[in-house]
Amino acid sequence: MHLMNADLHSHSNVSDGTLTPEALAARAHSKGVQLWSLTDHDELAGQQRARDAALALGMDYLAGTEISVSFV
């Protein structure tokens, strides 16, 4: 079995986070993350920046988003 350090839930300042996608990638990398995903709320605008930063740091990247839903 191969175990991997992954962080598949993070939010950048593109939605409700405080750090840029690049800064989040750097923080994840500094903590030993090997597979990272940016999952901003209802927003895809940071995906390319996040992917580029992750790959430049040697991490694998999985695109994602957190979708808001409402029940009426």
N, C-alpha and C. Protein backbone atom coordinates (compact mmCIF):
# COMPACT_ATOMS: atom_id res chain seq x y z
N MET A 1 0.85 -1.17 0.00
CA MET A 1 0.00 0.00 0.00
C MET A 1 0.89 1.24 0.00
N HIS A 2 0.53 2.19 -0.84
CA HIS A 2 1.26 3.45 -0.93
C HIS A 2 0.42 4.55 -0.28
N LEU A 3 0.94 5.16 0.76
CA LEU A 3 0.25 6.26 1.43
C LEU A 3 0.77 7.58 0.90
N MET A 4 -0.11 8.55 0.82
CA MET A 4 0.25 9.86 0.30
C MET A 4 -0.30 10.94 1.22
N ASN A 5 0.48 11.97 1.46
CA ASN A 5 0.02 13.11 2.24
C ASN A 5 -0.74 14.03 1.29
N ALA A 6 -2.05 14.16 1.52
CA ALA A 6 -2.90 14.95 0.63
C ALA A 6 -3.70 15.98 1.42
N ASP A 7 -3.93 17.12 0.78
CA ASP A 7 -4.83 18.15 1.31
C ASP A 7 -5.79 18.47 0.17
N LEU A 8 -7.02 18.01 0.30
CA LEU A 8 -8.00 18.16 -0.77
C LEU A 8 -9.11 19.16 -0.43
N HIS A 9 -8.83 20.05 0.52
CA HIS A 9 -9.84 21.05 0.89
C HIS A 9 -9.14 22.31 1.38
N SER A 10 -9.03 23.30 0.49
CA SER A 10 -8.44 24.58 0.89
C SER A 10 -9.11 25.71 0.11
N HIS A 11 -9.18 26.86 0.75
CA HIS A 11 -9.82 28.04 0.15
C HIS A 11 -8.82 29.18 0.08
N SER A 12 -8.76 29.83 -1.06
CA SER A 12 -7.86 30.96 -1.26
C SER A 12 -8.62 32.29 -1.16
N ASN A 13 -7.90 33.37 -1.37
CA ASN A 13 -8.55 34.68 -1.35
C ASN A 13 -9.39 34.93 -2.60
N VAL A 14 -9.42 33.97 -3.49
CA VAL A 14 -10.34 34.05 -4.64
C VAL A 14 -11.78 33.86 -4.15
N SER A 15 -11.95 33.12 -3.03
CA SER A 15 -13.28 33.04 -2.41
C SER A 15 -13.19 33.57 -0.99
N ASP A 16 -13.25 32.72 0.02
CA ASP A 16 -13.31 33.24 1.39
C ASP A 16 -12.03 33.00 2.20
N GLY A 17 -10.95 32.63 1.56
CA GLY A 17 -9.68 32.44 2.25
C GLY A 17 -8.90 33.73 2.35
N THR A 18 -7.73 33.67 2.99
CA THR A 18 -6.92 34.88 3.16
C THR A 18 -5.63 34.85 2.33
N LEU A 19 -5.21 33.67 1.89
CA LEU A 19 -3.96 33.55 1.13
C LEU A 19 -4.23 33.38 -0.36
N THR A 20 -3.28 33.79 -1.18
CA THR A 20 -3.39 33.58 -2.62
C THR A 20 -3.24 32.09 -2.93
N PRO A 21 -3.68 31.66 -4.10
CA PRO A 21 -3.47 30.26 -4.48
C PRO A 21 -1.99 29.87 -4.41
N GLU A 22 -1.11 30.75 -4.81
CA GLU A 22 0.33 30.47 -4.78
C GLU A 22 0.84 30.30 -3.35
N ALA A 23 0.39 31.17 -2.45
CA ALA A 23 0.81 31.08 -1.06
C ALA A 23 0.27 29.81 -0.40
N LEU A 24 -0.94 29.43 -0.75
CA LEU A 24 -1.50 28.18 -0.22
C LEU A 24 -0.71 26.98 -0.71
N ALA A 25 -0.34 26.99 -1.98
CA ALA A 25 0.46 25.89 -2.51
C ALA A 25 1.79 25.80 -1.77
N ALA A 26 2.43 26.93 -1.54
CA ALA A 26 3.71 26.94 -0.83
C ALA A 26 3.54 26.44 0.60
N ARG A 27 2.47 26.82 1.26
CA ARG A 27 2.23 26.35 2.63
C ARG A 27 2.00 24.85 2.64
N ALA A 28 1.18 24.36 1.73
CA ALA A 28 0.93 22.92 1.64
C ALA A 28 2.24 22.17 1.42
N HIS A 29 3.04 22.65 0.50
CA HIS A 29 4.32 22.01 0.20
C HIS A 29 5.23 22.00 1.43
N SER A 30 5.25 23.10 2.17
CA SER A 30 6.11 23.18 3.36
C SER A 30 5.67 22.20 4.44
N LYS A 31 4.42 21.76 4.40
CA LYS A 31 3.90 20.80 5.38
C LYS A 31 4.00 19.36 4.88
N GLY A 32 4.65 19.17 3.73
CA GLY A 32 4.85 17.82 3.22
C GLY A 32 3.73 17.27 2.37
N VAL A 33 2.81 18.13 1.94
CA VAL A 33 1.71 17.67 1.10
C VAL A 33 2.24 17.26 -0.27
N GLN A 34 1.77 16.12 -0.75
CA GLN A 34 2.18 15.61 -2.06
C GLN A 34 1.09 15.77 -3.12
N LEU A 35 -0.16 15.73 -2.68
CA LEU A 35 -1.31 15.92 -3.57
C LEU A 35 -2.15 17.02 -2.96
N TRP A 36 -2.39 18.07 -3.73
CA TRP A 36 -3.08 19.25 -3.20
C TRP A 36 -4.21 19.65 -4.13
N SER A 37 -5.26 20.23 -3.54
CA SER A 37 -6.40 20.72 -4.30
C SER A 37 -6.88 22.04 -3.73
N LEU A 38 -7.12 22.99 -4.61
CA LEU A 38 -7.76 24.24 -4.23
C LEU A 38 -9.26 24.05 -4.46
N THR A 39 -10.06 24.28 -3.41
CA THR A 39 -11.51 24.05 -3.50
C THR A 39 -12.27 25.29 -3.05
N ASP A 40 -12.02 26.41 -3.71
CA ASP A 40 -12.71 27.65 -3.39
C ASP A 40 -14.22 27.48 -3.53
N HIS A 41 -14.97 28.29 -2.77
CA HIS A 41 -16.43 28.28 -2.84
C HIS A 41 -16.92 28.84 -4.17
N ASP A 42 -17.62 28.01 -4.94
CA ASP A 42 -18.32 28.46 -6.15
C ASP A 42 -17.43 29.26 -7.10
N GLU A 43 -16.18 28.92 -7.18
CA GLU A 43 -15.23 29.75 -7.94
C GLU A 43 -14.13 28.89 -8.54
N LEU A 44 -13.85 29.14 -9.82
CA LEU A 44 -12.79 28.42 -10.52
C LEU A 44 -11.63 29.33 -10.92
N ALA A 45 -11.73 30.60 -10.62
CA ALA A 45 -10.76 31.58 -11.11
C ALA A 45 -9.33 31.33 -10.63
N GLY A 46 -9.13 30.69 -9.50
CA GLY A 46 -7.79 30.44 -8.99
C GLY A 46 -7.19 29.11 -9.42
N GLN A 47 -7.93 28.32 -10.16
CA GLN A 47 -7.48 26.97 -10.50
C GLN A 47 -6.16 26.93 -11.28
N GLN A 48 -6.03 27.72 -12.31
CA GLN A 48 -4.80 27.67 -13.10
C GLN A 48 -3.59 28.12 -12.29
N ARG A 49 -3.77 29.18 -11.52
CA ARG A 49 -2.68 29.66 -10.67
C ARG A 49 -2.28 28.60 -9.65
N ALA A 50 -3.28 27.95 -9.04
CA ALA A 50 -3.01 26.91 -8.05
C ALA A 50 -2.30 25.73 -8.68
N ARG A 51 -2.77 25.30 -9.83
CA ARG A 51 -2.15 24.16 -10.53
C ARG A 51 -0.70 24.48 -10.89
N ASP A 52 -0.48 25.64 -11.47
CA ASP A 52 0.88 26.03 -11.86
C ASP A 52 1.81 26.06 -10.65
N ALA A 53 1.34 26.62 -9.54
CA ALA A 53 2.16 26.71 -8.34
C ALA A 53 2.45 25.32 -7.77
N ALA A 54 1.43 24.47 -7.72
CA ALA A 54 1.61 23.12 -7.19
C ALA A 54 2.62 22.33 -8.02
N LEU A 55 2.46 22.36 -9.32
CA LEU A 55 3.36 21.61 -10.19
C LEU A 55 4.79 22.15 -10.11
N ALA A 56 4.94 23.47 -10.00
CA ALA A 56 6.27 24.06 -9.89
C ALA A 56 6.97 23.62 -8.61
N LEU A 57 6.19 23.30 -7.58
CA LEU A 57 6.73 22.85 -6.30
C LEU A 57 6.90 21.32 -6.24
N GLY A 58 6.49 20.64 -7.29
CA GLY A 58 6.63 19.19 -7.34
C GLY A 58 5.46 18.42 -6.73
N MET A 59 4.34 19.10 -6.47
CA MET A 59 3.16 18.42 -5.95
C MET A 59 2.25 18.01 -7.10
N ASP A 60 1.51 16.93 -6.89
CA ASP A 60 0.43 16.59 -7.81
C ASP A 60 -0.74 17.51 -7.49
N TYR A 61 -1.60 17.77 -8.49
CA TYR A 61 -2.71 18.70 -8.30
C TYR A 61 -4.00 18.08 -8.80
N LEU A 62 -5.06 18.30 -8.03
CA LEU A 62 -6.40 17.84 -8.38
C LEU A 62 -7.32 19.06 -8.35
N ALA A 63 -7.88 19.44 -9.48
CA ALA A 63 -8.78 20.58 -9.54
C ALA A 63 -10.07 20.27 -8.78
N GLY A 64 -10.60 21.29 -8.10
CA GLY A 64 -11.83 21.09 -7.35
C GLY A 64 -12.53 22.41 -7.07
N THR A 65 -13.74 22.31 -6.58
CA THR A 65 -14.49 23.48 -6.12
C THR A 65 -15.53 23.01 -5.12
N GLU A 66 -15.87 23.88 -4.19
CA GLU A 66 -16.93 23.59 -3.24
C GLU A 66 -18.17 24.31 -3.73
N ILE A 67 -19.18 23.56 -4.04
CA ILE A 67 -20.39 24.12 -4.65
C ILE A 67 -21.46 24.33 -3.58
N SER A 68 -22.00 25.55 -3.54
CA SER A 68 -23.08 25.87 -2.61
C SER A 68 -24.40 25.42 -3.17
N VAL A 69 -25.22 24.86 -2.32
CA VAL A 69 -26.58 24.44 -2.73
C VAL A 69 -27.56 24.95 -1.70
N SER A 70 -28.77 25.18 -2.15
CA SER A 70 -29.85 25.60 -1.25
C SER A 70 -31.05 24.72 -1.49
N PHE A 71 -31.70 24.34 -0.42
CA PHE A 71 -32.93 23.58 -0.53
C PHE A 71 -34.08 24.49 -0.17
N VAL A 72 -35.07 24.57 -1.05
CA VAL A 72 -36.23 25.43 -0.79
C VAL A 72 -37.46 24.62 -0.50
